[in-house]
Every structure is written in C-alpha cells, then in structure tokens.
Amino acid sequence: MRRLCVALLLTGFSLLAVGFLAACGGQLAVTPDTGIRIGFVPKALNQEYWVNTAHGAAAGGKNAHATVLTEAGQADTQVDEQINIVQNLVSEKVSALVIAPTDSDLLKPVLDQVAKKIPVILFDSPIPGWKPQTGFVGTPNRGGGERMGHYLAKVIPHGTLGIIRGIPGSQVDIDRVDGVLAGIKSTHIKVVKEVSANFDREQAVGAMEDILQTNPHVSAVFCANDQMALGALQSLEANNATGRVKLVGFDGAIEATQAIIAHKMFATVAQDPYGMARIAVQEAVAKVKGHSVPQNVNTGDPLVTQQNAQAYLKIAEKKLGHPNGST
C-alpha cells in the first residue's frame, strides 16, 4: 500500500530521500510556501532514470515556487496503480498534473477526465494524437532510435542484430525500435531475434541468454532502455562475450555511460530525465498562472559512444550534483 513516507523542504531534497521514497512506495511532498500544487507522476521510482526525474521535478517546483507532490507505482507495468494515483492526486485538489503514462491507451480515459478540470502535461511518454494535453516534454524516441540505427550501420554494416524490447504495446518501445529499424533499413544488417524484457533489468538477463542460445555469433544487441542493457551486460559477461557483441542502449544512464567508458557497452541514446521533469513542472505552473506554454518541448537525444562518454558523464553528474561531477 502506498503511503506518505516523508515530507522534505526542497533545500534538503536528496537522492537518499528519493531512494527511501521508492522503497516505501509512497509520496513525497516538496513544500515551498505557495498555493500552487503540482501532482508529479513518473512511471516508477525504482530506477536511476525515474529517480532523476524526481530530482528534476523538485528543481522545477523550487524554480516556480510551487509545491510538488511526487507519487509513483512500484513498477512501469503497474498501470492500474498509476490510474489510482492520478485519481487520488486529483481528489487532493492538485492544480495541475505532470505524468509519464505507463500505457497510452489505458491511461487516456482517466486523463480525458482530468484534463477537463486541470492542465495535464505529459513527459517522457507521449499519447499520440491526444488533443486534451496541455503539452509534452521529452525525447523524440523514434528520432533517437534512428540515430542509433545509423550508428549500428557504421559499426556492423553486414552484421546481425538482436533486439531486447520493453513493455509490449508501450509507445516508447514502439518508437525506439521502429526508429532503429528505420535507421538500418537500407543496410545489410539482419535482425535475427526480438525478445521482450518489459524494460526490466533482471528480465533482460534471460532475454540476452535467449538471444545468445539461438544466435551465439550475433554482432550487436539493441536494448530499448539502459536498464535492460545493463541486465544484458550481465549475461554477456557470464558468457565471455563482453565487447565481442556490440551492446547498445537508450537513456544515457550514469551506470550505462560508465560501462561505455569501460568498453563493456558501445553506445546509448542519451535522454535528459532531470531536464524534462523540471521543464514539465515549470510549464504546469505557468499554465496554472494563465500563461501559454508550448505544445511540444524536445529535450534532446545525443548519441553517447566510447568517443564522447567521458565528456557526457561529467555533464550528467554535474547536473545531478553527483560527488564526482565537475564544479
């Protein structure tokens, strides 16, 4: 059962506190002295990516002098739980909602009702063609996938590719994989297998084993997020295939970037979870105040490879206040 675990002033907000929140499965209230309250609903708080969005939302609330209520389900797959969270936040009279929908189709009916009452800003995961949205902030997932496809076309021009997909039917997964396929369309690369691991690190270990058993000489594997790539890496290490199989991901996670620097992974498409959440919260506050906001904000999708990973890591760590980040 979700419950209120802790309320912290924004000046004391830390990764430790967010980690504690994730463990409790609860709600975090960041409370500057203001009347505007923003409901912030990531898909979960059990991964680096989503924890970073919570940091960004807190920063956005501080910058906009608003209270941010952050609440998430136990995992990306808990659609019903996210629907309940949305309904609870609305009943608590939040001024606006910022949400990364776990499932575009299943969340649409409840969000249709919410959008009649308060502004709804989507972040990270779009709902294609959904007109009631106030705005969307995030990465162009298909474009990022195409960027990765073009990279693979250079490093394995005549090779074979395995794909570890996320949650079946997820728009994020569809866009990223379709993008990769479009990027390699005019090449001699052959896709030999696609396996779903639900964006989950542990499930990706088995998915990678599956690919290796049927295609032991696969040239590269694309994972639709970095958590799955890190799970796949565990399998590659166990099979002494690290480096031989060109493993690539999507997100730009700190741990994945460190794996690229160590030459265990080859590339990832970087997102800006901190930035997209910060901007989304600030847009929500602006809309509540009666200002116009853009319909779409692209927070970028740079490709991180072994050539630029060190530089990217310094930038990412600095943004998050990581102790190893430059000052």
C-alpha atoms as a PDB file:
ATOM      1  CA  MET A   1       0.000   0.000   0.000  1.00  0.00           C
ATOM      2  CA  ARG A   2       1.271   3.456  -0.890  1.00  0.00           C
ATOM      3  CA  ARG A   3       1.588   5.813   1.991  1.00  0.00           C
ATOM      4  CA  LEU A   4       3.030   9.193   2.815  1.00  0.00           C
ATOM      5  CA  CYS A   5       6.624   8.440   3.774  1.00  0.00           C
ATOM      6  CA  VAL A   6       8.325  11.776   4.152  1.00  0.00           C
ATOM      7  CA  ALA A   7       7.913  15.493   3.529  1.00  0.00           C
ATOM      8  CA  LEU A   8      11.099  17.425   2.900  1.00  0.00           C
ATOM      9  CA  LEU A   9      11.884  21.042   2.202  1.00  0.00           C
ATOM     10  CA  LEU A  10      13.317  21.356  -1.272  1.00  0.00           C
ATOM     11  CA  THR A  11      16.616  22.588   0.109  1.00  0.00           C
ATOM     12  CA  GLY A  12      17.028  19.235   1.811  1.00  0.00           C
ATOM     13  CA  PHE A  13      15.899  17.092  -1.121  1.00  0.00           C
ATOM     14  CA  SER A  14      18.456  14.415  -1.894  1.00  0.00           C
ATOM     15  CA  LEU A  15      18.936  11.186  -3.789  1.00  0.00           C
ATOM     16  CA  LEU A  16      18.882   9.350  -0.490  1.00  0.00           C
ATOM     17  CA  ALA A  17      15.440  10.745   0.261  1.00  0.00           C
ATOM     18  CA  VAL A  18      14.126   9.718  -3.142  1.00  0.00           C
ATOM     19  CA  GLY A  19      15.612   6.267  -2.705  1.00  0.00           C
ATOM     20  CA  PHE A  20      13.808   5.998   0.617  1.00  0.00           C
ATOM     21  CA  LEU A  21      10.598   7.106  -1.054  1.00  0.00           C
ATOM     22  CA  ALA A  22      10.968   4.446  -3.729  1.00  0.00           C
ATOM     23  CA  ALA A  23      11.488   1.784  -1.096  1.00  0.00           C
ATOM     24  CA  CYS A  24       8.354   2.875   0.710  1.00  0.00           C
ATOM     25  CA  GLY A  25       6.311   3.115  -2.470  1.00  0.00           C
ATOM     26  CA  GLY A  26       4.989   6.403  -1.161  1.00  0.00           C
ATOM     27  CA  GLN A  27       4.503  10.047  -1.797  1.00  0.00           C
ATOM     28  CA  LEU A  28       6.929  12.905  -1.440  1.00  0.00           C
ATOM     29  CA  ALA A  29       5.759  16.447  -0.760  1.00  0.00           C
ATOM     30  CA  VAL A  30       8.233  19.212  -1.611  1.00  0.00           C
ATOM     31  CA  THR A  31       6.716  22.232   0.035  1.00  0.00           C
ATOM     32  CA  PRO A  32       7.826  25.796  -0.599  1.00  0.00           C
ATOM     33  CA  ASP A  33       5.373  28.419   0.699  1.00  0.00           C
ATOM     34  CA  THR A  34       2.948  28.649  -2.250  1.00  0.00           C
ATOM     35  CA  GLY A  35      -0.638  27.885  -3.140  1.00  0.00           C
ATOM     36  CA  ILE A  36       0.110  26.003  -6.392  1.00  0.00           C
ATOM     37  CA  ARG A  37       0.338  22.225  -6.030  1.00  0.00           C
ATOM     38  CA  ILE A  38       1.591  20.060  -8.898  1.00  0.00           C
ATOM     39  CA  GLY A  39       0.947  16.320  -8.983  1.00  0.00           C
ATOM     40  CA  PHE A  40       4.035  14.629 -10.452  1.00  0.00           C
ATOM     41  CA  VAL A  41       3.628  11.001 -11.536  1.00  0.00           C
ATOM     42  CA  PRO A  42       6.606   9.158 -13.048  1.00  0.00           C
ATOM     43  CA  LYS A  43       6.158   5.533 -14.074  1.00  0.00           C
ATOM     44  CA  ALA A  44       8.082   4.287 -11.042  1.00  0.00           C
ATOM     45  CA  LEU A  45      10.886   5.260  -8.677  1.00  0.00           C
ATOM     46  CA  ASN A  46      12.819   2.004  -8.862  1.00  0.00           C
ATOM     47  CA  GLN A  47      15.397   3.004 -11.476  1.00  0.00           C
ATOM     48  CA  GLU A  48      18.042   5.702 -11.842  1.00  0.00           C
ATOM     49  CA  TYR A  49      16.108   7.264 -14.705  1.00  0.00           C
ATOM     50  CA  TRP A  50      12.911   7.846 -12.716  1.00  0.00           C
ATOM     51  CA  VAL A  51      14.753   8.969  -9.599  1.00  0.00           C
ATOM     52  CA  ASN A  52      16.413  11.620 -11.767  1.00  0.00           C
ATOM     53  CA  THR A  53      13.004  12.810 -12.943  1.00  0.00           C
ATOM     54  CA  ALA A  54      12.008  13.260  -9.288  1.00  0.00           C
ATOM     55  CA  HIS A  55      15.078  15.442  -8.795  1.00  0.00           C
ATOM     56  CA  GLY A  56      14.132  17.465 -11.862  1.00  0.00           C
ATOM     57  CA  ALA A  57      10.540  17.886 -10.703  1.00  0.00           C
ATOM     58  CA  ALA A  58      11.775  19.129  -7.333  1.00  0.00           C
ATOM     59  CA  ALA A  59      14.044  21.660  -9.036  1.00  0.00           C
ATOM     60  CA  GLY A  60      11.180  22.780 -11.251  1.00  0.00           C
ATOM     61  CA  GLY A  61       8.970  23.267  -8.240  1.00  0.00           C
ATOM     62  CA  LYS A  62      11.625  25.302  -6.486  1.00  0.00           C
ATOM     63  CA  ASN A  63      12.218  27.500  -9.523  1.00  0.00           C
ATOM     64  CA  ALA A  64       8.485  28.090  -9.986  1.00  0.00           C
ATOM     65  CA  HIS A  65       7.698  28.491  -6.259  1.00  0.00           C
ATOM     66  CA  ALA A  66       5.254  25.598  -6.281  1.00  0.00           C
ATOM     67  CA  THR A  67       4.609  22.505  -4.191  1.00  0.00           C
ATOM     68  CA  VAL A  68       5.379  19.235  -5.978  1.00  0.00           C
ATOM     69  CA  LEU A  69       3.646  16.030  -4.882  1.00  0.00           C
ATOM     70  CA  THR A  70       5.568  13.077  -6.337  1.00  0.00           C
ATOM     71  CA  GLU A  71       3.931   9.677  -6.317  1.00  0.00           C
ATOM     72  CA  ALA A  72       4.646   6.558  -8.357  1.00  0.00           C
ATOM     73  CA  GLY A  73       3.710   2.911  -8.598  1.00  0.00           C
ATOM     74  CA  GLN A  74       6.008   0.015  -7.842  1.00  0.00           C
ATOM     75  CA  ALA A  75       6.993  -0.614 -11.488  1.00  0.00           C
ATOM     76  CA  ASP A  76       6.472   0.558 -15.070  1.00  0.00           C
ATOM     77  CA  THR A  77       3.976  -2.252 -15.629  1.00  0.00           C
ATOM     78  CA  GLN A  78       1.588  -1.244 -12.827  1.00  0.00           C
ATOM     79  CA  VAL A  79      -0.991   0.556 -14.959  1.00  0.00           C
ATOM     80  CA  ASP A  80      -3.908   0.188 -12.543  1.00  0.00           C
ATOM     81  CA  GLU A  81      -1.783   1.552  -9.723  1.00  0.00           C
ATOM     82  CA  GLN A  82      -0.871   4.620 -11.759  1.00  0.00           C
ATOM     83  CA  ILE A  83      -4.534   5.229 -12.591  1.00  0.00           C
ATOM     84  CA  ASN A  84      -5.353   5.120  -8.866  1.00  0.00           C
ATOM     85  CA  ILE A  85      -2.521   7.533  -8.111  1.00  0.00           C
ATOM     86  CA  VAL A  86      -3.863  10.019 -10.664  1.00  0.00           C
ATOM     87  CA  GLN A  87      -7.359   9.807  -9.231  1.00  0.00           C
ATOM     88  CA  ASN A  88      -6.059  10.284  -5.688  1.00  0.00           C
ATOM     89  CA  LEU A  89      -3.999  13.330  -6.631  1.00  0.00           C
ATOM     90  CA  VAL A  90      -6.967  14.927  -8.363  1.00  0.00           C
ATOM     91  CA  SER A  91      -9.101  14.287  -5.278  1.00  0.00           C
ATOM     92  CA  GLU A  92      -6.409  16.104  -3.281  1.00  0.00           C
ATOM     93  CA  LYS A  93      -7.074  19.179  -5.435  1.00  0.00           C
ATOM     94  CA  VAL A  94      -3.730  19.491  -7.215  1.00  0.00           C
ATOM     95  CA  SER A  95      -3.537  22.492  -9.510  1.00  0.00           C
ATOM     96  CA  ALA A  96      -2.093  20.541 -12.453  1.00  0.00           C
ATOM     97  CA  LEU A  97      -0.829  17.065 -13.335  1.00  0.00           C
ATOM     98  CA  VAL A  98       2.547  16.124 -14.817  1.00  0.00           C
ATOM     99  CA  ILE A  99       2.663  12.461 -15.811  1.00  0.00           C
ATOM    100  CA  ALA A 100       4.627   9.848 -17.766  1.00  0.00           C
ATOM    101  CA  PRO A 101       1.829   7.461 -18.804  1.00  0.00           C
ATOM    102  CA  THR A 102       2.604   3.782 -18.268  1.00  0.00           C
ATOM    103  CA  ASP A 103       0.192   2.846 -21.063  1.00  0.00           C
ATOM    104  CA  SER A 104      -1.077   5.391 -23.555  1.00  0.00           C
ATOM    105  CA  ASP A 105      -4.371   3.655 -24.336  1.00  0.00           C
ATOM    106  CA  LEU A 106      -5.300   2.613 -20.802  1.00  0.00           C
ATOM    107  CA  LEU A 107      -4.430   5.985 -19.236  1.00  0.00           C
ATOM    108  CA  LYS A 108      -6.290   8.001 -21.842  1.00  0.00           C
ATOM    109  CA  PRO A 109      -9.833   7.681 -20.352  1.00  0.00           C
ATOM    110  CA  VAL A 110      -8.819   8.876 -16.873  1.00  0.00           C
ATOM    111  CA  LEU A 111      -6.629  11.634 -18.307  1.00  0.00           C
ATOM    112  CA  ASP A 112      -9.514  12.755 -20.509  1.00  0.00           C
ATOM    113  CA  GLN A 113     -11.487  13.413 -17.336  1.00  0.00           C
ATOM    114  CA  VAL A 114      -8.580  15.067 -15.532  1.00  0.00           C
ATOM    115  CA  ALA A 115      -7.873  17.403 -18.451  1.00  0.00           C
ATOM    116  CA  LYS A 116     -11.416  18.789 -18.166  1.00  0.00           C
ATOM    117  CA  LYS A 117     -10.528  20.108 -14.704  1.00  0.00           C
ATOM    118  CA  ILE A 118      -6.807  20.929 -14.633  1.00  0.00           C
ATOM    119  CA  PRO A 119      -3.833  21.226 -17.018  1.00  0.00           C
ATOM    120  CA  VAL A 120      -2.139  17.928 -17.916  1.00  0.00           C
ATOM    121  CA  ILE A 121       1.486  17.949 -19.035  1.00  0.00           C
ATOM    122  CA  LEU A 122       2.865  14.674 -20.395  1.00  0.00           C
ATOM    123  CA  PHE A 123       6.571  13.952 -20.082  1.00  0.00           C
ATOM    124  CA  ASP A 124       8.814  11.139 -21.331  1.00  0.00           C
ATOM    125  CA  SER A 125       5.981   9.135 -22.920  1.00  0.00           C
ATOM    126  CA  PRO A 126       3.570  10.732 -25.398  1.00  0.00           C
ATOM    127  CA  ILE A 127      -0.011   9.768 -26.143  1.00  0.00           C
ATOM    128  CA  PRO A 128      -0.109  10.088 -29.938  1.00  0.00           C
ATOM    129  CA  GLY A 129      -2.924  12.291 -31.150  1.00  0.00           C
ATOM    130  CA  TRP A 130      -4.225  13.090 -27.662  1.00  0.00           C
ATOM    131  CA  LYS A 131      -5.599  16.598 -28.029  1.00  0.00           C
ATOM    132  CA  PRO A 132      -6.513  17.443 -24.385  1.00  0.00           C
ATOM    133  CA  GLN A 133      -2.866  17.597 -23.338  1.00  0.00           C
ATOM    134  CA  THR A 134      -1.548  20.968 -22.271  1.00  0.00           C
ATOM    135  CA  GLY A 135       1.882  19.999 -23.566  1.00  0.00           C
ATOM    136  CA  PHE A 136       4.509  17.273 -23.934  1.00  0.00           C
ATOM    137  CA  VAL A 137       8.128  17.427 -22.789  1.00  0.00           C
ATOM    138  CA  GLY A 138      10.568  14.702 -23.737  1.00  0.00           C
ATOM    139  CA  THR A 139      12.842  12.925 -26.164  1.00  0.00           C
ATOM    140  CA  PRO A 140      11.877  12.244 -29.786  1.00  0.00           C
ATOM    141  CA  ASN A 141      12.103   8.481 -29.281  1.00  0.00           C
ATOM    142  CA  ARG A 142      11.797   7.483 -32.912  1.00  0.00           C
ATOM    143  CA  GLY A 143      14.428  10.026 -33.897  1.00  0.00           C
ATOM    144  CA  GLY A 144      16.742   8.734 -31.185  1.00  0.00           C
ATOM    145  CA  GLY A 145      16.180   5.202 -32.428  1.00  0.00           C
ATOM    146  CA  GLU A 146      17.051   6.240 -35.974  1.00  0.00           C
ATOM    147  CA  ARG A 147      20.221   7.861 -34.677  1.00  0.00           C
ATOM    148  CA  MET A 148      21.166   4.559 -33.059  1.00  0.00           C
ATOM    149  CA  GLY A 149      20.282   2.679 -36.238  1.00  0.00           C
ATOM    150  CA  HIS A 150      22.639   4.879 -38.258  1.00  0.00           C
ATOM    151  CA  TYR A 151      25.373   4.237 -35.685  1.00  0.00           C
ATOM    152  CA  LEU A 152      24.860   0.479 -35.962  1.00  0.00           C
ATOM    153  CA  ALA A 153      25.007   0.745 -39.739  1.00  0.00           C
ATOM    154  CA  LYS A 154      28.552   2.058 -39.353  1.00  0.00           C
ATOM    155  CA  VAL A 155      29.829  -0.430 -36.785  1.00  0.00           C
ATOM    156  CA  ILE A 156      28.168  -3.641 -38.072  1.00  0.00           C
ATOM    157  CA  PRO A 157      27.399  -2.861 -41.755  1.00  0.00           C
ATOM    158  CA  HIS A 158      26.994  -6.545 -42.680  1.00  0.00           C
ATOM    159  CA  GLY A 159      26.242  -7.957 -39.233  1.00  0.00           C
ATOM    160  CA  THR A 160      23.335  -9.410 -37.301  1.00  0.00           C
ATOM    161  CA  LEU A 161      21.247  -7.610 -34.687  1.00  0.00           C
ATOM    162  CA  GLY A 162      19.272  -8.805 -31.699  1.00  0.00           C
ATOM    163  CA  ILE A 163      16.704  -6.530 -30.063  1.00  0.00           C
ATOM    164  CA  ILE A 164      15.584  -6.581 -26.436  1.00  0.00           C
ATOM    165  CA  ARG A 165      12.282  -4.746 -26.305  1.00  0.00           C
ATOM    166  CA  GLY A 166      10.411  -3.102 -23.450  1.00  0.00           C
ATOM    167  CA  ILE A 167       6.773  -3.482 -22.443  1.00  0.00           C
ATOM    168  CA  PRO A 168       4.689  -4.824 -25.354  1.00  0.00           C
ATOM    169  CA  GLY A 169       2.469  -2.071 -26.708  1.00  0.00           C
ATOM    170  CA  SER A 170       4.408   0.716 -24.996  1.00  0.00           C
ATOM    171  CA  GLN A 171       4.603   3.736 -27.279  1.00  0.00           C
ATOM    172  CA  VAL A 172       8.142   4.433 -26.093  1.00  0.00           C
ATOM    173  CA  ASP A 173       9.216   0.911 -27.051  1.00  0.00           C
ATOM    174  CA  ILE A 174       7.419   1.055 -30.394  1.00  0.00           C
ATOM    175  CA  ASP A 175       9.002   4.381 -31.324  1.00  0.00           C
ATOM    176  CA  ARG A 176      12.528   3.410 -30.309  1.00  0.00           C
ATOM    177  CA  VAL A 177      12.535   0.038 -32.052  1.00  0.00           C
ATOM    178  CA  ASP A 178      10.809   1.416 -35.163  1.00  0.00           C
ATOM    179  CA  GLY A 179      13.450   4.142 -35.226  1.00  0.00           C
ATOM    180  CA  VAL A 180      16.309   1.637 -35.098  1.00  0.00           C
ATOM    181  CA  LEU A 181      14.705  -0.446 -37.851  1.00  0.00           C
ATOM    182  CA  ALA A 182      14.306   2.665 -39.992  1.00  0.00           C
ATOM    183  CA  GLY A 183      17.938   3.576 -39.379  1.00  0.00           C
ATOM    184  CA  ILE A 184      19.212   0.213 -40.650  1.00  0.00           C
ATOM    185  CA  LYS A 185      16.613  -0.199 -43.404  1.00  0.00           C
ATOM    186  CA  SER A 186      18.960   0.407 -46.332  1.00  0.00           C
ATOM    187  CA  THR A 187      21.818  -1.654 -44.898  1.00  0.00           C
ATOM    188  CA  HIS A 188      22.785  -5.318 -44.968  1.00  0.00           C
ATOM    189  CA  ILE A 189      22.134  -5.727 -41.242  1.00  0.00           C
ATOM    190  CA  LYS A 190      19.823  -8.634 -40.457  1.00  0.00           C
ATOM    191  CA  VAL A 191      17.587  -8.634 -37.357  1.00  0.00           C
ATOM    192  CA  VAL A 192      17.799 -12.209 -36.061  1.00  0.00           C
ATOM    193  CA  LYS A 193      15.669 -12.055 -32.923  1.00  0.00           C
ATOM    194  CA  GLU A 194      13.443  -9.767 -30.829  1.00  0.00           C
ATOM    195  CA  VAL A 195      12.738 -10.580 -27.174  1.00  0.00           C
ATOM    196  CA  SER A 196      10.686  -8.582 -24.667  1.00  0.00           C
ATOM    197  CA  ALA A 197      12.057  -7.853 -21.183  1.00  0.00           C
ATOM    198  CA  ASN A 198       9.490  -5.239 -20.053  1.00  0.00           C
ATOM    199  CA  PHE A 199      12.129  -2.528 -19.501  1.00  0.00           C
ATOM    200  CA  ASP A 200      13.340  -4.651 -16.566  1.00  0.00           C
ATOM    201  CA  ARG A 201      16.992  -5.306 -15.781  1.00  0.00           C
ATOM    202  CA  GLU A 202      16.565  -8.802 -14.364  1.00  0.00           C
ATOM    203  CA  GLN A 203      14.322  -9.937 -17.203  1.00  0.00           C
ATOM    204  CA  ALA A 204      16.901  -8.675 -19.693  1.00  0.00           C
ATOM    205  CA  VAL A 205      19.463 -11.170 -18.333  1.00  0.00           C
ATOM    206  CA  GLY A 206      17.252 -14.012 -19.530  1.00  0.00           C
ATOM    207  CA  ALA A 207      16.419 -12.217 -22.777  1.00  0.00           C
ATOM    208  CA  MET A 208      20.105 -11.902 -23.600  1.00  0.00           C
ATOM    209  CA  GLU A 209      20.621 -15.592 -22.791  1.00  0.00           C
ATOM    210  CA  ASP A 210      17.792 -16.399 -25.199  1.00  0.00           C
ATOM    211  CA  ILE A 211      19.422 -14.409 -27.987  1.00  0.00           C
ATOM    212  CA  LEU A 212      22.845 -15.995 -27.404  1.00  0.00           C
ATOM    213  CA  GLN A 213      21.453 -19.521 -27.345  1.00  0.00           C
ATOM    214  CA  THR A 214      19.851 -19.179 -30.779  1.00  0.00           C
ATOM    215  CA  ASN A 215      22.378 -16.721 -32.268  1.00  0.00           C
ATOM    216  CA  PRO A 216      25.720 -17.223 -30.497  1.00  0.00           C
ATOM    217  CA  HIS A 217      27.573 -15.095 -33.044  1.00  0.00           C
ATOM    218  CA  VAL A 218      25.180 -12.133 -33.029  1.00  0.00           C
ATOM    219  CA  SER A 219      27.063  -8.938 -33.934  1.00  0.00           C
ATOM    220  CA  ALA A 220      25.130  -6.436 -31.816  1.00  0.00           C
ATOM    221  CA  VAL A 221      22.156  -6.116 -29.474  1.00  0.00           C
ATOM    222  CA  PHE A 222      19.969  -3.034 -29.096  1.00  0.00           C
ATOM    223  CA  CYS A 223      18.132  -2.680 -25.792  1.00  0.00           C
ATOM    224  CA  ALA A 224      15.207  -0.261 -25.652  1.00  0.00           C
ATOM    225  CA  ASN A 225      16.436   1.173 -22.347  1.00  0.00           C
ATOM    226  CA  ASP A 226      19.694   1.200 -20.407  1.00  0.00           C
ATOM    227  CA  GLN A 227      18.398  -0.877 -17.504  1.00  0.00           C
ATOM    228  CA  MET A 228      17.817  -3.745 -19.927  1.00  0.00           C
ATOM    229  CA  ALA A 229      21.225  -3.102 -21.480  1.00  0.00           C
ATOM    230  CA  LEU A 230      22.835  -3.441 -18.047  1.00  0.00           C
ATOM    231  CA  GLY A 231      20.955  -6.689 -17.497  1.00  0.00           C
ATOM    232  CA  ALA A 232      22.072  -7.927 -20.908  1.00  0.00           C
ATOM    233  CA  LEU A 233      25.634  -6.996 -19.951  1.00  0.00           C
ATOM    234  CA  GLN A 234      25.467  -9.405 -17.006  1.00  0.00           C
ATOM    235  CA  SER A 235      24.663 -12.214 -19.423  1.00  0.00           C
ATOM    236  CA  LEU A 236      27.413 -11.181 -21.838  1.00  0.00           C
ATOM    237  CA  GLU A 237      29.945 -11.150 -19.019  1.00  0.00           C
ATOM    238  CA  ALA A 238      28.853 -14.629 -17.891  1.00  0.00           C
ATOM    239  CA  ASN A 239      29.295 -15.882 -21.457  1.00  0.00           C
ATOM    240  CA  ASN A 240      32.644 -14.141 -22.030  1.00  0.00           C
ATOM    241  CA  ALA A 241      31.062 -12.157 -24.845  1.00  0.00           C
ATOM    242  CA  THR A 242      31.613  -8.631 -23.499  1.00  0.00           C
ATOM    243  CA  GLY A 243      32.993  -6.425 -26.244  1.00  0.00           C
ATOM    244  CA  ARG A 244      32.530  -9.036 -28.960  1.00  0.00           C
ATOM    245  CA  VAL A 245      28.799  -8.354 -29.006  1.00  0.00           C
ATOM    246  CA  LYS A 246      28.288  -4.638 -29.530  1.00  0.00           C
ATOM    247  CA  LEU A 247      25.754  -3.792 -26.831  1.00  0.00           C
ATOM    248  CA  VAL A 248      23.833  -0.517 -27.148  1.00  0.00           C
ATOM    249  CA  GLY A 249      21.009   1.043 -25.150  1.00  0.00           C
ATOM    250  CA  PHE A 250      18.796   4.069 -24.723  1.00  0.00           C
ATOM    251  CA  ASP A 251      18.602   6.632 -21.872  1.00  0.00           C
ATOM    252  CA  GLY A 252      22.131   7.842 -21.138  1.00  0.00           C
ATOM    253  CA  ALA A 253      22.077   6.398 -17.606  1.00  0.00           C
ATOM    254  CA  ILE A 254      25.134   7.073 -15.449  1.00  0.00           C
ATOM    255  CA  GLU A 255      25.856   3.365 -14.945  1.00  0.00           C
ATOM    256  CA  ALA A 256      25.467   2.640 -18.658  1.00  0.00           C
ATOM    257  CA  THR A 257      27.783   5.540 -19.513  1.00  0.00           C
ATOM    258  CA  GLN A 258      30.372   4.119 -17.110  1.00  0.00           C
ATOM    259  CA  ALA A 259      30.021   0.766 -18.891  1.00  0.00           C
ATOM    260  CA  ILE A 260      30.676   2.514 -22.208  1.00  0.00           C
ATOM    261  CA  ILE A 261      33.807   4.151 -20.789  1.00  0.00           C
ATOM    262  CA  ALA A 262      34.938   0.703 -19.600  1.00  0.00           C
ATOM    263  CA  HIS A 263      34.375  -0.626 -23.166  1.00  0.00           C
ATOM    264  CA  LYS A 264      31.688  -3.043 -21.952  1.00  0.00           C
ATOM    265  CA  MET A 265      28.931  -1.227 -23.857  1.00  0.00           C
ATOM    266  CA  PHE A 266      29.292   0.627 -27.125  1.00  0.00           C
ATOM    267  CA  ALA A 267      26.658   3.372 -27.146  1.00  0.00           C
ATOM    268  CA  THR A 268      23.429   4.760 -25.758  1.00  0.00           C
ATOM    269  CA  VAL A 269      20.980   7.432 -26.860  1.00  0.00           C
ATOM    270  CA  ALA A 270      21.002   9.965 -24.030  1.00  0.00           C
ATOM    271  CA  GLN A 271      17.844  11.465 -22.607  1.00  0.00           C
ATOM    272  CA  ASP A 272      17.537  14.256 -20.075  1.00  0.00           C
ATOM    273  CA  PRO A 273      15.142  12.927 -17.413  1.00  0.00           C
ATOM    274  CA  TYR A 274      16.098  15.670 -14.960  1.00  0.00           C
ATOM    275  CA  GLY A 275      15.577  18.399 -17.545  1.00  0.00           C
ATOM    276  CA  MET A 276      12.319  17.090 -18.968  1.00  0.00           C
ATOM    277  CA  ALA A 277      10.740  16.803 -15.498  1.00  0.00           C
ATOM    278  CA  ARG A 278      11.981  20.247 -14.447  1.00  0.00           C
ATOM    279  CA  ILE A 279      10.620  21.875 -17.601  1.00  0.00           C
ATOM    280  CA  ALA A 280       7.323  19.978 -17.391  1.00  0.00           C
ATOM    281  CA  VAL A 281       6.682  21.140 -13.811  1.00  0.00           C
ATOM    282  CA  GLN A 282       7.580  24.727 -14.681  1.00  0.00           C
ATOM    283  CA  GLU A 283       5.225  24.599 -17.668  1.00  0.00           C
ATOM    284  CA  ALA A 284       2.433  23.243 -15.474  1.00  0.00           C
ATOM    285  CA  VAL A 285       2.874  26.123 -13.046  1.00  0.00           C
ATOM    286  CA  ALA A 286       2.943  28.636 -15.898  1.00  0.00           C
ATOM    287  CA  LYS A 287      -0.317  27.233 -17.288  1.00  0.00           C
ATOM    288  CA  VAL A 288      -1.979  27.407 -13.871  1.00  0.00           C
ATOM    289  CA  LYS A 289      -0.983  31.075 -13.754  1.00  0.00           C
ATOM    290  CA  GLY A 290      -2.675  31.679 -17.092  1.00  0.00           C
ATOM    291  CA  HIS A 291       0.383  31.750 -19.343  1.00  0.00           C
ATOM    292  CA  SER A 292       0.616  29.951 -22.669  1.00  0.00           C
ATOM    293  CA  VAL A 293       3.049  27.028 -22.943  1.00  0.00           C
ATOM    294  CA  PRO A 294       4.451  25.197 -25.992  1.00  0.00           C
ATOM    295  CA  GLN A 295       2.701  22.037 -27.149  1.00  0.00           C
ATOM    296  CA  ASN A 296       5.971  20.137 -27.542  1.00  0.00           C
ATOM    297  CA  VAL A 297       9.411  20.583 -26.000  1.00  0.00           C
ATOM    298  CA  ASN A 298      12.261  18.439 -27.343  1.00  0.00           C
ATOM    299  CA  THR A 299      14.862  17.881 -24.612  1.00  0.00           C
ATOM    300  CA  GLY A 300      17.344  16.264 -26.995  1.00  0.00           C
ATOM    301  CA  ASP A 301      18.709  12.822 -27.892  1.00  0.00           C
ATOM    302  CA  PRO A 302      22.518  12.936 -28.241  1.00  0.00           C
ATOM    303  CA  LEU A 303      24.356   9.715 -29.046  1.00  0.00           C
ATOM    304  CA  VAL A 304      26.888   8.716 -26.384  1.00  0.00           C
ATOM    305  CA  THR A 305      29.710   6.493 -27.631  1.00  0.00           C
ATOM    306  CA  GLN A 306      33.137   5.454 -26.415  1.00  0.00           C
ATOM    307  CA  GLN A 307      34.484   8.622 -28.062  1.00  0.00           C
ATOM    308  CA  ASN A 308      32.430  11.139 -26.063  1.00  0.00           C
ATOM    309  CA  ALA A 309      31.268   9.212 -22.979  1.00  0.00           C
ATOM    310  CA  GLN A 310      33.748  10.840 -20.588  1.00  0.00           C
ATOM    311  CA  ALA A 311      32.609  14.328 -21.535  1.00  0.00           C
ATOM    312  CA  TYR A 312      28.931  13.364 -21.334  1.00  0.00           C
ATOM    313  CA  LEU A 313      29.410  11.760 -17.908  1.00  0.00           C
ATOM    314  CA  LYS A 314      30.875  14.960 -16.457  1.00  0.00           C
ATOM    315  CA  ILE A 315      27.914  16.982 -17.725  1.00  0.00           C
ATOM    316  CA  ALA A 316      25.349  14.465 -16.430  1.00  0.00           C
ATOM    317  CA  GLU A 317      26.961  14.183 -12.998  1.00  0.00           C
ATOM    318  CA  LYS A 318      27.245  17.923 -12.613  1.00  0.00           C
ATOM    319  CA  LYS A 319      23.555  18.383 -13.404  1.00  0.00           C
ATOM    320  CA  LEU A 320      22.595  15.828 -10.770  1.00  0.00           C
ATOM    321  CA  GLY A 321      25.013  17.125  -8.143  1.00  0.00           C
ATOM    322  CA  HIS A 322      26.978  13.874  -8.246  1.00  0.00           C
ATOM    323  CA  PRO A 323      30.060  13.990  -5.998  1.00  0.00           C
ATOM    324  CA  ASN A 324      32.287  13.091  -8.965  1.00  0.00           C
ATOM    325  CA  GLY A 325      30.833  15.792 -11.181  1.00  0.00           C
ATOM    326  CA  SER A 326      32.842  18.837 -12.153  1.00  0.00           C
ATOM    327  CA  THR A 327      32.085  22.113 -10.418  1.00  0.00           C
END
